[in-house]
Amino acid sequence: MFSSKDNLTTNFLLNETRRSVMDQFYKEYCICDLSNYPNQQLALRWRTKLEVISGKGELICSNKNCSSKDSLTSWEINFKYSENGQSLNSFVKLNTFFFYDLMS
């Protein structure tokens, strides 16, 4: 028979695994704001739950003002952010419709 301690350990491991998988969904792709790109400014943020479900940033253009699904160009860029007061870096993916034209 399993003890209640084993059940707590199993529940903890399941919750940690669930959280890790959800972090991958939310943090693999970013949403970007390219409105200030002419001033060499690019804003990035993590996707919301609704954006993950809809495919925004992965199947739909990552630019917050674009909903194109065609001719997307995939980019992997370094995203520096802070979380819980700690400075972190992560490589994230952007799928954009017109980012290629801005980069050239």
PDB file of N, CA and C in Angstrom:
ATOM      1  N   MET A   1       0.826  -1.183   0.000  1.00  0.00           N
ATOM      2  CA  MET A   1       0.000   0.000   0.000  1.00  0.00           C
ATOM      3  C   MET A   1       0.875   1.253   0.000  1.00  0.00           C
ATOM      4  N   PHE A   2       0.360   2.297  -0.608  1.00  0.00           N
ATOM      5  CA  PHE A   2       1.060   3.569  -0.616  1.00  0.00           C
ATOM      6  C   PHE A   2       0.699   4.365   0.630  1.00  0.00           C
ATOM      7  N   SER A   3       1.682   5.027   1.167  1.00  0.00           N
ATOM      8  CA  SER A   3       1.423   5.889   2.320  1.00  0.00           C
ATOM      9  C   SER A   3       1.030   7.278   1.841  1.00  0.00           C
ATOM     10  N   SER A   4       0.548   8.092   2.755  1.00  0.00           N
ATOM     11  CA  SER A   4       0.174   9.458   2.385  1.00  0.00           C
ATOM     12  C   SER A   4       1.410  10.258   1.985  1.00  0.00           C
ATOM     13  N   LYS A   5       2.581   9.875   2.517  1.00  0.00           N
ATOM     14  CA  LYS A   5       3.824  10.544   2.131  1.00  0.00           C
ATOM     15  C   LYS A   5       4.138  10.270   0.663  1.00  0.00           C
ATOM     16  N   ASP A   6       3.908   9.014   0.214  1.00  0.00           N
ATOM     17  CA  ASP A   6       4.116   8.677  -1.190  1.00  0.00           C
ATOM     18  C   ASP A   6       3.154   9.458  -2.083  1.00  0.00           C
ATOM     19  N   ASN A   7       1.913   9.614  -1.648  1.00  0.00           N
ATOM     20  CA  ASN A   7       0.932  10.379  -2.413  1.00  0.00           C
ATOM     21  C   ASN A   7       1.342  11.838  -2.525  1.00  0.00           C
ATOM     22  N   LEU A   8       1.863  12.409  -1.442  1.00  0.00           N
ATOM     23  CA  LEU A   8       2.326  13.799  -1.480  1.00  0.00           C
ATOM     24  C   LEU A   8       3.491  13.958  -2.438  1.00  0.00           C
ATOM     25  N   THR A   9       4.415  13.004  -2.399  1.00  0.00           N
ATOM     26  CA  THR A   9       5.568  13.053  -3.300  1.00  0.00           C
ATOM     27  C   THR A   9       5.118  12.934  -4.748  1.00  0.00           C
ATOM     28  N   THR A  10       4.207  12.001  -5.026  1.00  0.00           N
ATOM     29  CA  THR A  10       3.689  11.819  -6.386  1.00  0.00           C
ATOM     30  C   THR A  10       2.963  13.069  -6.860  1.00  0.00           C
ATOM     31  N   ASN A  11       2.122  13.643  -6.023  1.00  0.00           N
ATOM     32  CA  ASN A  11       1.411  14.870  -6.388  1.00  0.00           C
ATOM     33  C   ASN A  11       2.378  16.012  -6.646  1.00  0.00           C
ATOM     34  N   PHE A  12       3.407  16.123  -5.824  1.00  0.00           N
ATOM     35  CA  PHE A  12       4.409  17.174  -6.005  1.00  0.00           C
ATOM     36  C   PHE A  12       5.107  17.007  -7.351  1.00  0.00           C
ATOM     37  N   LEU A  13       5.534  15.773  -7.659  1.00  0.00           N
ATOM     38  CA  LEU A  13       6.219  15.524  -8.927  1.00  0.00           C
ATOM     39  C   LEU A  13       5.310  15.795 -10.124  1.00  0.00           C
ATOM     40  N   LEU A  14       4.044  15.411 -10.024  1.00  0.00           N
ATOM     41  CA  LEU A  14       3.102  15.691 -11.110  1.00  0.00           C
ATOM     42  C   LEU A  14       2.907  17.187 -11.303  1.00  0.00           C
ATOM     43  N   ASN A  15       2.780  17.925 -10.208  1.00  0.00           N
ATOM     44  CA  ASN A  15       2.609  19.375 -10.298  1.00  0.00           C
ATOM     45  C   ASN A  15       3.841  20.039 -10.886  1.00  0.00           C
ATOM     46  N   GLU A  16       5.034  19.586 -10.494  1.00  0.00           N
ATOM     47  CA  GLU A  16       6.268  20.150 -11.040  1.00  0.00           C
ATOM     48  C   GLU A  16       6.385  19.858 -12.536  1.00  0.00           C
ATOM     49  N   THR A  17       6.030  18.651 -12.937  1.00  0.00           N
ATOM     50  CA  THR A  17       6.067  18.286 -14.354  1.00  0.00           C
ATOM     51  C   THR A  17       5.070  19.122 -15.139  1.00  0.00           C
ATOM     52  N   ARG A  18       3.856  19.266 -14.592  1.00  0.00           N
ATOM     53  CA  ARG A  18       2.822  20.081 -15.233  1.00  0.00           C
ATOM     54  C   ARG A  18       3.290  21.520 -15.391  1.00  0.00           C
ATOM     55  N   ARG A  19       3.899  22.070 -14.346  1.00  0.00           N
ATOM     56  CA  ARG A  19       4.381  23.450 -14.394  1.00  0.00           C
ATOM     57  C   ARG A  19       5.503  23.604 -15.420  1.00  0.00           C
ATOM     58  N   SER A  20       6.396  22.620 -15.488  1.00  0.00           N
ATOM     59  CA  SER A  20       7.493  22.667 -16.450  1.00  0.00           C
ATOM     60  C   SER A  20       6.974  22.651 -17.881  1.00  0.00           C
ATOM     61  N   VAL A  21       5.988  21.790 -18.154  1.00  0.00           N
ATOM     62  CA  VAL A  21       5.403  21.710 -19.499  1.00  0.00           C
ATOM     63  C   VAL A  21       4.702  23.019 -19.845  1.00  0.00           C
ATOM     64  N   MET A  22       3.944  23.581 -18.921  1.00  0.00           N
ATOM     65  CA  MET A  22       3.254  24.843 -19.180  1.00  0.00           C
ATOM     66  C   MET A  22       4.241  25.975 -19.404  1.00  0.00           C
ATOM     67  N   ASP A  23       5.348  26.004 -18.647  1.00  0.00           N
ATOM     68  CA  ASP A  23       6.379  27.025 -18.861  1.00  0.00           C
ATOM     69  C   ASP A  23       6.943  26.937 -20.272  1.00  0.00           C
ATOM     70  N   GLN A  24       7.113  25.708 -20.775  1.00  0.00           N
ATOM     71  CA  GLN A  24       7.619  25.548 -22.140  1.00  0.00           C
ATOM     72  C   GLN A  24       6.632  26.120 -23.150  1.00  0.00           C
ATOM     73  N   PHE A  25       5.332  25.889 -22.939  1.00  0.00           N
ATOM     74  CA  PHE A  25       4.332  26.435 -23.855  1.00  0.00           C
ATOM     75  C   PHE A  25       4.343  27.957 -23.837  1.00  0.00           C
ATOM     76  N   TYR A  26       4.390  28.521 -22.656  1.00  0.00           N
ATOM     77  CA  TYR A  26       4.319  29.972 -22.524  1.00  0.00           C
ATOM     78  C   TYR A  26       5.627  30.647 -22.916  1.00  0.00           C
ATOM     79  N   LYS A  27       6.748  30.009 -22.686  1.00  0.00           N
ATOM     80  CA  LYS A  27       8.034  30.682 -22.818  1.00  0.00           C
ATOM     81  C   LYS A  27       8.865  30.241 -24.019  1.00  0.00           C
ATOM     82  N   GLU A  28       8.301  29.470 -24.903  1.00  0.00           N
ATOM     83  CA  GLU A  28       9.045  29.110 -26.106  1.00  0.00           C
ATOM     84  C   GLU A  28       8.921  30.210 -27.161  1.00  0.00           C
ATOM     85  N   TYR A  29       7.738  30.771 -27.261  1.00  0.00           N
ATOM     86  CA  TYR A  29       7.470  31.838 -28.226  1.00  0.00           C
ATOM     87  C   TYR A  29       7.099  33.106 -27.469  1.00  0.00           C
ATOM     88  N   CYS A  30       7.405  34.257 -28.080  1.00  0.00           N
ATOM     89  CA  CYS A  30       7.076  35.551 -27.481  1.00  0.00           C
ATOM     90  C   CYS A  30       6.153  36.329 -28.399  1.00  0.00           C
ATOM     91  N   ILE A  31       5.499  37.316 -27.805  1.00  0.00           N
ATOM     92  CA  ILE A  31       4.740  38.306 -28.562  1.00  0.00           C
ATOM     93  C   ILE A  31       5.616  39.552 -28.617  1.00  0.00           C
ATOM     94  N   CYS A  32       5.691  40.168 -29.780  1.00  0.00           N
ATOM     95  CA  CYS A  32       6.552  41.348 -29.927  1.00  0.00           C
ATOM     96  C   CYS A  32       5.738  42.560 -30.364  1.00  0.00           C
ATOM     97  N   ASP A  33       6.270  43.718 -30.046  1.00  0.00           N
ATOM     98  CA  ASP A  33       5.698  44.989 -30.479  1.00  0.00           C
ATOM     99  C   ASP A  33       6.753  45.671 -31.336  1.00  0.00           C
ATOM    100  N   LEU A  34       6.493  45.740 -32.626  1.00  0.00           N
ATOM    101  CA  LEU A  34       7.455  46.308 -33.572  1.00  0.00           C
ATOM    102  C   LEU A  34       7.147  47.754 -33.929  1.00  0.00           C
ATOM    103  N   SER A  35       6.221  48.390 -33.224  1.00  0.00           N
ATOM    104  CA  SER A  35       5.823  49.756 -33.582  1.00  0.00           C
ATOM    105  C   SER A  35       6.960  50.755 -33.412  1.00  0.00           C
ATOM    106  N   ASN A  36       7.918  50.500 -32.532  1.00  0.00           N
ATOM    107  CA  ASN A  36       9.052  51.412 -32.339  1.00  0.00           C
ATOM    108  C   ASN A  36      10.341  50.886 -32.956  1.00  0.00           C
ATOM    109  N   TYR A  37      10.209  49.927 -33.877  1.00  0.00           N
ATOM    110  CA  TYR A  37      11.406  49.373 -34.503  1.00  0.00           C
ATOM    111  C   TYR A  37      12.243  50.421 -35.239  1.00  0.00           C
ATOM    112  N   PRO A  38      11.639  51.429 -35.911  1.00  0.00           N
ATOM    113  CA  PRO A  38      12.463  52.455 -36.555  1.00  0.00           C
ATOM    114  C   PRO A  38      13.392  53.178 -35.569  1.00  0.00           C
ATOM    115  N   ASN A  39      13.035  53.210 -34.301  1.00  0.00           N
ATOM    116  CA  ASN A  39      13.889  53.818 -33.268  1.00  0.00           C
ATOM    117  C   ASN A  39      14.786  52.773 -32.601  1.00  0.00           C
ATOM    118  N   GLN A  40      14.921  51.607 -33.241  1.00  0.00           N
ATOM    119  CA  GLN A  40      15.729  50.492 -32.747  1.00  0.00           C
ATOM    120  C   GLN A  40      15.258  49.997 -31.381  1.00  0.00           C
ATOM    121  N   GLN A  41      13.945  49.946 -31.193  1.00  0.00           N
ATOM    122  CA  GLN A  41      13.362  49.425 -29.961  1.00  0.00           C
ATOM    123  C   GLN A  41      12.425  48.276 -30.307  1.00  0.00           C
ATOM    124  N   LEU A  42      12.595  47.198 -29.582  1.00  0.00           N
ATOM    125  CA  LEU A  42      11.784  46.008 -29.769  1.00  0.00           C
ATOM    126  C   LEU A  42      11.269  45.572 -28.403  1.00  0.00           C
ATOM    127  N   ALA A  43       9.968  45.469 -28.260  1.00  0.00           N
ATOM    128  CA  ALA A  43       9.374  45.062 -26.982  1.00  0.00           C
ATOM    129  C   ALA A  43       8.919  43.603 -27.100  1.00  0.00           C
ATOM    130  N   LEU A  44       9.249  42.803 -26.089  1.00  0.00           N
ATOM    131  CA  LEU A  44       8.854  41.401 -26.042  1.00  0.00           C
ATOM    132  C   LEU A  44       8.112  41.117 -24.746  1.00  0.00           C
ATOM    133  N   ARG A  45       7.200  40.167 -24.820  1.00  0.00           N
ATOM    134  CA  ARG A  45       6.522  39.693 -23.603  1.00  0.00           C
ATOM    135  C   ARG A  45       6.134  38.241 -23.820  1.00  0.00           C
ATOM    136  N   TRP A  46       5.916  37.553 -22.688  1.00  0.00           N
ATOM    137  CA  TRP A  46       5.469  36.163 -22.764  1.00  0.00           C
ATOM    138  C   TRP A  46       4.027  36.119 -23.248  1.00  0.00           C
ATOM    139  N   ARG A  47       3.654  34.995 -23.828  1.00  0.00           N
ATOM    140  CA  ARG A  47       2.279  34.811 -24.305  1.00  0.00           C
ATOM    141  C   ARG A  47       1.338  34.538 -23.136  1.00  0.00           C
ATOM    142  N   THR A  48       0.093  34.969 -23.291  1.00  0.00           N
ATOM    143  CA  THR A  48      -0.941  34.664 -22.303  1.00  0.00           C
ATOM    144  C   THR A  48      -1.533  33.280 -22.614  1.00  0.00           C
ATOM    145  N   LYS A  49      -2.334  32.795 -21.703  1.00  0.00           N
ATOM    146  CA  LYS A  49      -2.963  31.486 -21.893  1.00  0.00           C
ATOM    147  C   LYS A  49      -3.817  31.465 -23.160  1.00  0.00           C
ATOM    148  N   LEU A  50      -4.587  32.508 -23.390  1.00  0.00           N
ATOM    149  CA  LEU A  50      -5.431  32.568 -24.588  1.00  0.00           C
ATOM    150  C   LEU A  50      -4.591  32.597 -25.869  1.00  0.00           C
ATOM    151  N   GLU A  51      -3.448  33.276 -25.816  1.00  0.00           N
ATOM    152  CA  GLU A  51      -2.565  33.321 -26.987  1.00  0.00           C
ATOM    153  C   GLU A  51      -1.925  31.958 -27.252  1.00  0.00           C
ATOM    154  N   VAL A  52      -1.587  31.240 -26.200  1.00  0.00           N
ATOM    155  CA  VAL A  52      -1.044  29.893 -26.366  1.00  0.00           C
ATOM    156  C   VAL A  52      -2.094  28.998 -27.022  1.00  0.00           C
ATOM    157  N   ILE A  53      -3.315  29.063 -26.538  1.00  0.00           N
ATOM    158  CA  ILE A  53      -4.403  28.227 -27.061  1.00  0.00           C
ATOM    159  C   ILE A  53      -4.698  28.569 -28.522  1.00  0.00           C
ATOM    160  N   SER A  54      -4.696  29.857 -28.859  1.00  0.00           N
ATOM    161  CA  SER A  54      -5.027  30.280 -30.229  1.00  0.00           C
ATOM    162  C   SER A  54      -3.868  30.087 -31.210  1.00  0.00           C
ATOM    163  N   GLY A  55      -2.656  29.914 -30.704  1.00  0.00           N
ATOM    164  CA  GLY A  55      -1.498  29.748 -31.576  1.00  0.00           C
ATOM    165  C   GLY A  55      -0.798  31.054 -31.902  1.00  0.00           C
ATOM    166  N   LYS A  56      -1.196  32.141 -31.264  1.00  0.00           N
ATOM    167  CA  LYS A  56      -0.558  33.444 -31.504  1.00  0.00           C
ATOM    168  C   LYS A  56       0.919  33.347 -31.148  1.00  0.00           C
ATOM    169  N   GLY A  57       1.771  33.775 -32.058  1.00  0.00           N
ATOM    170  CA  GLY A  57       3.209  33.716 -31.838  1.00  0.00           C
ATOM    171  C   GLY A  57       3.844  32.457 -32.374  1.00  0.00           C
ATOM    172  N   GLU A  58       3.069  31.410 -32.518  1.00  0.00           N
ATOM    173  CA  GLU A  58       3.590  30.150 -33.049  1.00  0.00           C
ATOM    174  C   GLU A  58       3.043  29.887 -34.451  1.00  0.00           C
ATOM    175  N   LEU A  59       1.727  29.873 -34.588  1.00  0.00           N
ATOM    176  CA  LEU A  59       1.084  29.642 -35.879  1.00  0.00           C
ATOM    177  C   LEU A  59       0.585  30.934 -36.512  1.00  0.00           C
ATOM    178  N   ILE A  60       0.445  31.960 -35.697  1.00  0.00           N
ATOM    179  CA  ILE A  60       0.001  33.288 -36.120  1.00  0.00           C
ATOM    180  C   ILE A  60       1.140  34.250 -35.816  1.00  0.00           C
ATOM    181  N   CYS A  61       1.316  35.266 -36.638  1.00  0.00           N
ATOM    182  CA  CYS A  61       2.407  36.233 -36.491  1.00  0.00           C
ATOM    183  C   CYS A  61       2.595  36.679 -35.038  1.00  0.00           C
ATOM    184  N   SER A  62       3.849  36.773 -34.604  1.00  0.00           N
ATOM    185  CA  SER A  62       4.185  37.169 -33.231  1.00  0.00           C
ATOM    186  C   SER A  62       3.950  38.642 -32.953  1.00  0.00           C
ATOM    187  N   ASN A  63       3.893  39.469 -33.999  1.00  0.00           N
ATOM    188  CA  ASN A  63       3.660  40.895 -33.800  1.00  0.00           C
ATOM    189  C   ASN A  63       2.260  41.091 -33.236  1.00  0.00           C
ATOM    190  N   LYS A  64       2.150  41.866 -32.170  1.00  0.00           N
ATOM    191  CA  LYS A  64       0.861  42.022 -31.496  1.00  0.00           C
ATOM    192  C   LYS A  64      -0.204  42.645 -32.388  1.00  0.00           C
ATOM    193  N   ASN A  65       0.210  43.363 -33.435  1.00  0.00           N
ATOM    194  CA  ASN A  65      -0.740  44.038 -34.322  1.00  0.00           C
ATOM    195  C   ASN A  65      -0.957  43.303 -35.640  1.00  0.00           C
ATOM    196  N   CYS A  66      -0.565  42.049 -35.721  1.00  0.00           N
ATOM    197  CA  CYS A  66      -0.670  41.302 -36.976  1.00  0.00           C
ATOM    198  C   CYS A  66      -1.330  39.957 -36.702  1.00  0.00           C
ATOM    199  N   SER A  67      -2.182  39.524 -37.611  1.00  0.00           N
ATOM    200  CA  SER A  67      -2.831  38.222 -37.448  1.00  0.00           C
ATOM    201  C   SER A  67      -2.588  37.317 -38.657  1.00  0.00           C
ATOM    202  N   SER A  68      -1.505  37.597 -39.387  1.00  0.00           N
ATOM    203  CA  SER A  68      -1.186  36.816 -40.573  1.00  0.00           C
ATOM    204  C   SER A  68      -0.743  35.400 -40.197  1.00  0.00           C
ATOM    205  N   LYS A  69      -1.143  34.446 -41.032  1.00  0.00           N
ATOM    206  CA  LYS A  69      -0.719  33.058 -40.863  1.00  0.00           C
ATOM    207  C   LYS A  69       0.156  32.614 -42.024  1.00  0.00           C
ATOM    208  N   ASP A  70       0.296  33.477 -43.032  1.00  0.00           N
ATOM    209  CA  ASP A  70       1.025  33.130 -44.254  1.00  0.00           C
ATOM    210  C   ASP A  70       2.400  33.788 -44.279  1.00  0.00           C
ATOM    211  N   SER A  71       3.333  33.128 -44.927  1.00  0.00           N
ATOM    212  CA  SER A  71       4.683  33.665 -45.169  1.00  0.00           C
ATOM    213  C   SER A  71       5.369  34.125 -43.891  1.00  0.00           C
ATOM    214  N   LEU A  72       5.274  33.336 -42.835  1.00  0.00           N
ATOM    215  CA  LEU A  72       5.921  33.701 -41.580  1.00  0.00           C
ATOM    216  C   LEU A  72       7.398  33.329 -41.617  1.00  0.00           C
ATOM    217  N   THR A  73       8.212  34.199 -41.084  1.00  0.00           N
ATOM    218  CA  THR A  73       9.643  33.955 -40.950  1.00  0.00           C
ATOM    219  C   THR A  73       9.947  33.706 -39.485  1.00  0.00           C
ATOM    220  N   SER A  74      10.692  32.640 -39.207  1.00  0.00           N
ATOM    221  CA  SER A  74      10.998  32.272 -37.830  1.00  0.00           C
ATOM    222  C   SER A  74      12.355  32.833 -37.431  1.00  0.00           C
ATOM    223  N   TRP A  75      12.397  33.445 -36.248  1.00  0.00           N
ATOM    224  CA  TRP A  75      13.620  34.027 -35.692  1.00  0.00           C
ATOM    225  C   TRP A  75      13.814  33.513 -34.277  1.00  0.00           C
ATOM    226  N   GLU A  76      15.051  33.298 -33.892  1.00  0.00           N
ATOM    227  CA  GLU A  76      15.358  32.969 -32.509  1.00  0.00           C
ATOM    228  C   GLU A  76      16.259  34.075 -31.970  1.00  0.00           C
ATOM    229  N   ILE A  77      15.804  34.743 -30.921  1.00  0.00           N
ATOM    230  CA  ILE A  77      16.548  35.877 -30.385  1.00  0.00           C
ATOM    231  C   ILE A  77      16.718  35.739 -28.875  1.00  0.00           C
ATOM    232  N   ASN A  78      17.696  36.452 -28.347  1.00  0.00           N
ATOM    233  CA  ASN A  78      17.957  36.452 -26.914  1.00  0.00           C
ATOM    234  C   ASN A  78      17.005  37.433 -26.234  1.00  0.00           C
ATOM    235  N   PHE A  79      16.290  36.976 -25.238  1.00  0.00           N
ATOM    236  CA  PHE A  79      15.321  37.776 -24.501  1.00  0.00           C
ATOM    237  C   PHE A  79      15.829  37.918 -23.073  1.00  0.00           C
ATOM    238  N   LYS A  80      16.204  39.131 -22.698  1.00  0.00           N
ATOM    239  CA  LYS A  80      16.657  39.397 -21.335  1.00  0.00           C
ATOM    240  C   LYS A  80      15.484  39.971 -20.553  1.00  0.00           C
ATOM    241  N   TYR A  81      15.206  39.363 -19.395  1.00  0.00           N
ATOM    242  CA  TYR A  81      14.062  39.773 -18.583  1.00  0.00           C
ATOM    243  C   TYR A  81      14.381  39.521 -17.114  1.00  0.00           C
ATOM    244  N   SER A  82      13.528  40.031 -16.252  1.00  0.00           N
ATOM    245  CA  SER A  82      13.702  39.749 -14.821  1.00  0.00           C
ATOM    246  C   SER A  82      12.462  39.043 -14.300  1.00  0.00           C
ATOM    247  N   GLU A  83      12.695  38.091 -13.426  1.00  0.00           N
ATOM    248  CA  GLU A  83      11.615  37.309 -12.836  1.00  0.00           C
ATOM    249  C   GLU A  83      11.946  37.093 -11.370  1.00  0.00           C
ATOM    250  N   ASN A  84      11.040  37.491 -10.508  1.00  0.00           N
ATOM    251  CA  ASN A  84      11.255  37.399  -9.056  1.00  0.00           C
ATOM    252  C   ASN A  84      12.538  38.112  -8.626  1.00  0.00           C
ATOM    253  N   GLY A  85      12.813  39.251  -9.251  1.00  0.00           N
ATOM    254  CA  GLY A  85      13.978  40.051  -8.899  1.00  0.00           C
ATOM    255  C   GLY A  85      15.291  39.521  -9.442  1.00  0.00           C
ATOM    256  N   GLN A  86      15.241  38.466 -10.230  1.00  0.00           N
ATOM    257  CA  GLN A  86      16.454  37.863 -10.781  1.00  0.00           C
ATOM    258  C   GLN A  86      16.517  38.142 -12.279  1.00  0.00           C
ATOM    259  N   SER A  87      17.682  38.575 -12.764  1.00  0.00           N
ATOM    260  CA  SER A  87      17.876  38.851 -14.182  1.00  0.00           C
ATOM    261  C   SER A  87      18.147  37.537 -14.912  1.00  0.00           C
ATOM    262  N   LEU A  88      17.364  37.277 -15.981  1.00  0.00           N
ATOM    263  CA  LEU A  88      17.468  36.022 -16.724  1.00  0.00           C
ATOM    264  C   LEU A  88      17.584  36.294 -18.216  1.00  0.00           C
ATOM    265  N   ASN A  89      18.154  35.343 -18.943  1.00  0.00           N
ATOM    266  CA  ASN A  89      18.214  35.365 -20.403  1.00  0.00           C
ATOM    267  C   ASN A  89      17.596  34.079 -20.924  1.00  0.00           C
ATOM    268  N   SER A  90      16.896  34.189 -22.038  1.00  0.00           N
ATOM    269  CA  SER A  90      16.304  33.015 -22.650  1.00  0.00           C
ATOM    270  C   SER A  90      16.254  33.227 -24.163  1.00  0.00           C
ATOM    271  N   PHE A  91      16.569  32.189 -24.917  1.00  0.00           N
ATOM    272  CA  PHE A  91      16.377  32.270 -26.356  1.00  0.00           C
ATOM    273  C   PHE A  91      14.919  31.962 -26.640  1.00  0.00           C
ATOM    274  N   VAL A  92      14.254  32.862 -27.346  1.00  0.00           N
ATOM    275  CA  VAL A  92      12.839  32.702 -27.668  1.00  0.00           C
ATOM    276  C   VAL A  92      12.647  32.770 -29.174  1.00  0.00           C
ATOM    277  N   LYS A  93      11.536  32.247 -29.622  1.00  0.00           N
ATOM    278  CA  LYS A  93      11.225  32.236 -31.049  1.00  0.00           C
ATOM    279  C   LYS A  93      10.183  33.299 -31.362  1.00  0.00           C
ATOM    280  N   LEU A  94      10.369  33.934 -32.498  1.00  0.00           N
ATOM    281  CA  LEU A  94       9.391  34.867 -33.048  1.00  0.00           C
ATOM    282  C   LEU A  94       9.048  34.388 -34.450  1.00  0.00           C
ATOM    283  N   ASN A  95       7.788  34.307 -34.774  1.00  0.00           N
ATOM    284  CA  ASN A  95       7.338  34.027 -36.133  1.00  0.00           C
ATOM    285  C   ASN A  95       6.642  35.276 -36.619  1.00  0.00           C
ATOM    286  N   THR A  96       7.285  35.980 -37.520  1.00  0.00           N
ATOM    287  CA  THR A  96       6.730  37.256 -37.951  1.00  0.00           C
ATOM    288  C   THR A  96       6.535  37.307 -39.453  1.00  0.00           C
ATOM    289  N   PHE A  97       5.595  38.133 -39.852  1.00  0.00           N
ATOM    290  CA  PHE A  97       5.258  38.299 -41.255  1.00  0.00           C
ATOM    291  C   PHE A  97       6.209  39.273 -41.935  1.00  0.00           C
ATOM    292  N   PHE A  98       6.537  40.382 -41.285  1.00  0.00           N
ATOM    293  CA  PHE A  98       7.352  41.390 -41.951  1.00  0.00           C
ATOM    294  C   PHE A  98       8.626  41.738 -41.199  1.00  0.00           C
ATOM    295  N   PHE A  99       9.014  40.991 -40.217  1.00  0.00           N
ATOM    296  CA  PHE A  99      10.247  41.249 -39.469  1.00  0.00           C
ATOM    297  C   PHE A  99      11.463  41.114 -40.381  1.00  0.00           C
ATOM    298  N   TYR A 100      11.398  40.208 -41.359  1.00  0.00           N
ATOM    299  CA  TYR A 100      12.510  40.012 -42.278  1.00  0.00           C
ATOM    300  C   TYR A 100      12.840  41.282 -43.031  1.00  0.00           C
ATOM    301  N   ASP A 101      11.812  41.997 -43.481  1.00  0.00           N
ATOM    302  CA  ASP A 101      12.036  43.240 -44.213  1.00  0.00           C
ATOM    303  C   ASP A 101      12.683  44.301 -43.313  1.00  0.00           C
ATOM    304  N   LEU A 102      12.363  44.290 -42.037  1.00  0.00           N
ATOM    305  CA  LEU A 102      12.933  45.265 -41.120  1.00  0.00           C
ATOM    306  C   LEU A 102      14.391  44.941 -40.794  1.00  0.00           C
ATOM    307  N   MET A 103      14.739  43.654 -40.798  1.00  0.00           N
ATOM    308  CA  MET A 103      16.087  43.240 -40.431  1.00  0.00           C
ATOM    309  C   MET A 103      17.076  43.471 -41.577  1.00  0.00           C
ATOM    310  N   SER A 104      16.629  43.462 -42.839  1.00  0.00           N
ATOM    311  CA  SER A 104      17.558  43.587 -43.945  1.00  0.00           C
ATOM    312  C   SER A 104      17.962  45.016 -44.230  1.00  0.00           C
TER     313      SER A 104
END
